[in-house]
Amino acid sequence: MRTVTASYGPSGPPTDEAGDRPAPAPARRDAEETKAAILRAARHLLARHAHADITLKAVAERAGVSPPLVLKYFGNKDALFARVMSFAEDADALLDADLDTLGAHMVRHVVVSQRERGADPVLRIAFAPLHGDHGDILRANFRTQVTDRLAARLTGPDAGLRAELAVAALIGLGAMYGIARGRELREAATEEIVARCAPAVQAHLTGTPATGPVTGAPAAHG
């Protein structure tokens, strides 16, 4: 079996031991893929740490790039996290269901996000600093892009309150799974969690629990 040399020699690109062809070059990201990787890394870290505790070096290491590349694309830490502090993309996925099945969709989305990506789309609001511009921005974005957007879809009285209560249930679920690491919760099947939690969330959204089989589910975990 042939092996590939790991470094360049004086004669040029690496070759396999037979010397009959160049070894494949490592895959290279284009600029947009690199930016996306950096943003994913920053979101991941912000979902677990306070903004002040996150360094560009840590973001770069998680993204698999060098710190100067982070600076090249985003300028500085504040500019990077201004992008990261938007919840718009997360809300698109979180709210992507008809209103009558939205509670089940949101619960499932939080659980599957935790299990497949180690984070959920709403929990990073729990790490917003209580004081300072960054916390204010994060909370304002969360209110506008998540709870106000959800409230706008609801009918009947107290839509804003019901939206906030529904999202609060999701934050609690995410915190128990991802921060407290509840043993029983983490061992339960995804659809069991959905069946138990979704009716309460749905009651806030439509005033009555979801009924009937839950559809549109990804493969269950656990």
Protein backbone atom coordinates (compact mmCIF):
# COMPACT_ATOMS: atom_id res chain seq x y z
CA MET A 1 0.00 0.00 0.00
CA ARG A 2 1.35 3.39 -0.94
CA THR A 3 1.79 6.20 1.53
CA VAL A 4 2.11 9.90 0.89
CA THR A 5 4.98 12.00 2.15
CA ALA A 6 3.91 14.67 4.56
CA SER A 7 6.04 17.62 3.49
CA TYR A 8 7.52 19.31 0.48
CA GLY A 9 10.97 18.26 -0.61
CA PRO A 10 13.46 20.37 -2.55
CA SER A 11 12.10 19.14 -5.85
CA GLY A 12 8.56 20.50 -5.40
CA PRO A 13 5.16 19.15 -4.35
CA PRO A 14 4.91 15.93 -2.34
CA THR A 15 4.68 12.68 -4.25
CA ASP A 16 3.74 9.17 -3.29
CA GLU A 17 6.53 6.67 -2.57
CA ALA A 18 6.56 5.45 -6.15
CA GLY A 19 7.22 9.01 -7.28
CA ASP A 20 4.90 8.65 -10.27
CA ARG A 21 2.39 11.40 -9.46
CA PRO A 22 1.96 14.36 -7.14
CA ALA A 23 0.11 13.71 -3.92
CA PRO A 24 -3.35 15.29 -3.73
CA ALA A 25 -3.22 18.85 -2.46
CA PRO A 26 -5.14 19.54 0.77
CA ALA A 27 -8.64 20.83 0.18
CA ARG A 28 -8.80 24.62 0.35
CA ARG A 29 -11.76 26.68 1.46
CA ASP A 30 -12.91 29.60 -0.58
CA ALA A 31 -13.52 32.93 1.13
CA GLU A 32 -17.23 32.35 1.78
CA GLU A 33 -16.65 28.90 3.24
CA THR A 34 -13.96 30.31 5.50
CA LYS A 35 -16.18 33.13 6.70
CA ALA A 36 -18.98 30.65 7.39
CA ALA A 37 -16.62 28.42 9.38
CA ILE A 38 -15.47 31.38 11.47
CA LEU A 39 -19.05 32.45 12.18
CA ARG A 40 -20.02 28.90 13.16
CA ALA A 41 -17.06 28.71 15.51
CA ALA A 42 -17.89 32.05 17.11
CA ARG A 43 -21.55 31.07 17.55
CA HIS A 44 -20.50 27.78 19.09
CA LEU A 45 -18.28 29.53 21.62
CA LEU A 46 -20.82 32.23 22.39
CA ALA A 47 -23.37 29.51 23.20
CA ARG A 48 -21.03 28.29 25.95
CA HIS A 49 -19.01 31.24 27.19
CA ALA A 50 -19.43 34.88 28.04
CA HIS A 51 -18.45 37.24 25.25
CA ALA A 52 -15.61 38.76 27.30
CA ASP A 53 -14.04 35.31 27.80
CA ILE A 54 -13.84 34.44 24.10
CA THR A 55 -10.61 35.22 22.26
CA LEU A 56 -10.03 35.46 18.54
CA LYS A 57 -7.42 32.74 18.97
CA ALA A 58 -10.08 30.39 20.34
CA VAL A 59 -12.42 31.23 17.44
CA ALA A 60 -9.63 30.66 14.93
CA GLU A 61 -8.66 27.32 16.45
CA ARG A 62 -12.22 26.04 16.37
CA ALA A 63 -12.68 27.23 12.78
CA GLY A 64 -9.40 25.64 11.68
CA VAL A 65 -7.88 28.91 10.49
CA SER A 66 -5.22 31.33 11.69
CA PRO A 67 -6.10 34.36 13.86
CA PRO A 68 -4.87 36.78 11.15
CA LEU A 69 -7.43 35.27 8.78
CA VAL A 70 -10.22 36.08 11.25
CA LEU A 71 -8.97 39.67 11.31
CA LYS A 72 -8.75 39.77 7.53
CA TYR A 73 -12.41 38.85 7.07
CA PHE A 74 -13.99 40.55 10.08
CA GLY A 75 -11.59 43.29 11.14
CA ASN A 76 -11.74 42.79 14.91
CA LYS A 77 -13.54 40.91 17.64
CA ASP A 78 -16.33 43.48 17.97
CA ALA A 79 -17.12 43.36 14.25
CA LEU A 80 -17.13 39.56 14.27
CA PHE A 81 -19.48 39.32 17.21
CA ALA A 82 -21.78 41.97 15.79
CA ARG A 83 -22.46 39.40 13.08
CA VAL A 84 -22.63 36.52 15.53
CA MET A 85 -25.12 38.32 17.77
CA SER A 86 -27.78 38.17 15.09
CA PHE A 87 -30.44 35.50 15.65
CA ALA A 88 -32.06 35.91 12.23
CA GLU A 89 -30.65 32.75 10.67
CA ASP A 90 -31.38 30.70 13.79
CA ALA A 91 -34.96 31.98 13.90
CA ASP A 92 -35.51 30.96 10.28
CA ALA A 93 -34.88 27.34 11.21
CA LEU A 94 -36.53 27.46 14.63
CA LEU A 95 -39.81 28.85 13.30
CA ASP A 96 -39.95 26.87 10.05
CA ALA A 97 -43.25 25.06 10.57
CA ASP A 98 -46.99 25.68 10.41
CA LEU A 99 -48.43 27.18 13.56
CA ASP A 100 -50.42 24.07 14.49
CA THR A 101 -47.25 21.93 14.64
CA LEU A 102 -44.78 24.65 15.59
CA GLY A 103 -44.44 23.62 19.24
CA ALA A 104 -43.29 20.13 18.31
CA HIS A 105 -40.99 21.52 15.63
CA MET A 106 -39.29 23.94 18.03
CA VAL A 107 -38.78 21.34 20.76
CA ARG A 108 -37.37 18.87 18.26
CA HIS A 109 -35.14 21.52 16.73
CA VAL A 110 -33.59 22.35 20.11
CA VAL A 111 -32.95 18.71 20.98
CA VAL A 112 -31.59 17.72 17.58
CA SER A 113 -29.37 20.81 17.51
CA GLN A 114 -27.93 19.84 20.89
CA ARG A 115 -27.34 16.26 19.84
CA GLU A 116 -25.93 16.91 16.39
CA ARG A 117 -24.12 20.24 16.89
CA GLY A 118 -23.66 20.53 20.63
CA ALA A 119 -25.66 23.78 20.75
CA ASP A 120 -29.17 25.02 20.22
CA PRO A 121 -30.39 28.14 18.44
CA VAL A 122 -31.66 30.05 21.46
CA LEU A 123 -29.46 29.14 24.43
CA ARG A 124 -26.73 31.69 23.71
CA ILE A 125 -29.07 34.42 24.93
CA ALA A 126 -28.49 32.99 28.40
CA PHE A 127 -24.88 34.15 28.16
CA ALA A 128 -25.70 37.77 27.37
CA PRO A 129 -23.83 39.99 29.83
CA LEU A 130 -26.14 41.87 32.16
CA HIS A 131 -24.42 45.19 31.53
CA GLY A 132 -22.74 46.78 28.54
CA ASP A 133 -23.37 47.27 24.85
CA HIS A 134 -22.86 43.64 23.84
CA GLY A 135 -25.54 42.36 26.18
CA ASP A 136 -27.92 45.11 25.08
CA ILE A 137 -27.37 44.24 21.41
CA LEU A 138 -27.82 40.52 21.98
CA ARG A 139 -31.06 41.03 23.91
CA ALA A 140 -32.44 43.53 21.40
CA ASN A 141 -31.70 41.18 18.51
CA PHE A 142 -33.23 38.25 20.35
CA ARG A 143 -36.38 40.18 21.10
CA THR A 144 -36.78 41.48 17.55
CA GLN A 145 -35.69 38.41 15.64
CA VAL A 146 -37.08 35.63 17.84
CA THR A 147 -39.83 36.53 20.34
CA ASP A 148 -41.38 39.47 18.46
CA ARG A 149 -41.25 37.51 15.22
CA LEU A 150 -42.95 34.56 16.88
CA ALA A 151 -45.56 36.81 18.51
CA ALA A 152 -46.44 38.27 15.12
CA ARG A 153 -47.56 34.81 14.00
CA LEU A 154 -49.88 34.25 16.94
CA THR A 155 -53.54 35.16 17.11
CA GLY A 156 -55.62 36.06 20.12
CA PRO A 157 -54.79 38.01 23.27
CA ASP A 158 -51.39 38.34 24.96
CA ALA A 159 -49.45 37.17 21.90
CA GLY A 160 -46.22 38.72 23.16
CA LEU A 161 -46.46 37.05 26.55
CA ARG A 162 -47.35 33.69 25.04
CA ALA A 163 -44.41 33.92 22.63
CA GLU A 164 -42.02 34.69 25.47
CA LEU A 165 -43.36 31.82 27.58
CA ALA A 166 -42.99 29.39 24.67
CA VAL A 167 -39.40 30.48 24.06
CA ALA A 168 -38.67 30.37 27.80
CA ALA A 169 -39.63 26.70 27.80
CA LEU A 170 -37.15 26.07 24.98
CA ILE A 171 -34.37 27.92 26.78
CA GLY A 172 -35.02 25.83 29.89
CA LEU A 173 -34.93 22.65 27.84
CA GLY A 174 -31.68 23.69 26.19
CA ALA A 175 -30.10 24.64 29.51
CA MET A 176 -31.05 21.35 31.14
CA TYR A 177 -29.67 19.41 28.18
CA GLY A 178 -26.57 21.42 27.31
CA ILE A 179 -25.52 23.08 30.59
CA ALA A 180 -26.92 20.99 33.44
CA ARG A 181 -26.49 17.90 31.24
CA GLY A 182 -29.48 16.14 32.73
CA ARG A 183 -28.74 12.43 32.55
CA GLU A 184 -32.28 11.22 32.02
CA LEU A 185 -32.97 13.90 29.44
CA ARG A 186 -29.84 13.11 27.46
CA GLU A 187 -30.66 9.40 27.47
CA ALA A 188 -34.27 9.85 26.37
CA ALA A 189 -35.24 9.42 22.73
CA THR A 190 -35.83 12.65 20.84
CA GLU A 191 -39.45 11.85 20.06
CA GLU A 192 -40.16 11.01 23.71
CA ILE A 193 -38.92 14.48 24.68
CA VAL A 194 -41.03 16.03 21.92
CA ALA A 195 -44.12 14.13 23.04
CA ARG A 196 -43.71 15.31 26.63
CA CYS A 197 -42.65 18.94 26.03
CA ALA A 198 -44.39 20.00 22.83
CA PRO A 199 -47.97 20.13 24.20
CA ALA A 200 -46.99 22.73 26.81
CA VAL A 201 -45.17 24.84 24.22
CA GLN A 202 -48.02 24.48 21.75
CA ALA A 203 -50.51 25.59 24.39
CA HIS A 204 -48.74 28.95 24.58
CA LEU A 205 -48.77 29.28 20.80
CA THR A 206 -52.37 28.37 20.01
CA GLY A 207 -54.09 28.09 23.36
CA THR A 208 -54.55 24.34 23.07
CA PRO A 209 -52.01 21.49 23.15
CA ALA A 210 -50.98 19.91 19.88
CA THR A 211 -53.03 16.82 19.15
CA GLY A 212 -52.54 13.82 16.93
CA PRO A 213 -49.25 12.37 15.63
CA VAL A 214 -46.32 14.72 15.21
CA THR A 215 -45.17 14.85 11.61
CA GLY A 216 -42.15 16.17 9.79
CA ALA A 217 -39.68 14.70 12.28
CA PRO A 218 -36.04 14.03 11.48
CA ALA A 219 -34.63 10.68 12.53
CA ALA A 220 -34.98 10.23 16.27
CA HIS A 221 -31.87 10.02 18.41
CA GLY A 222 -31.37 7.96 21.50
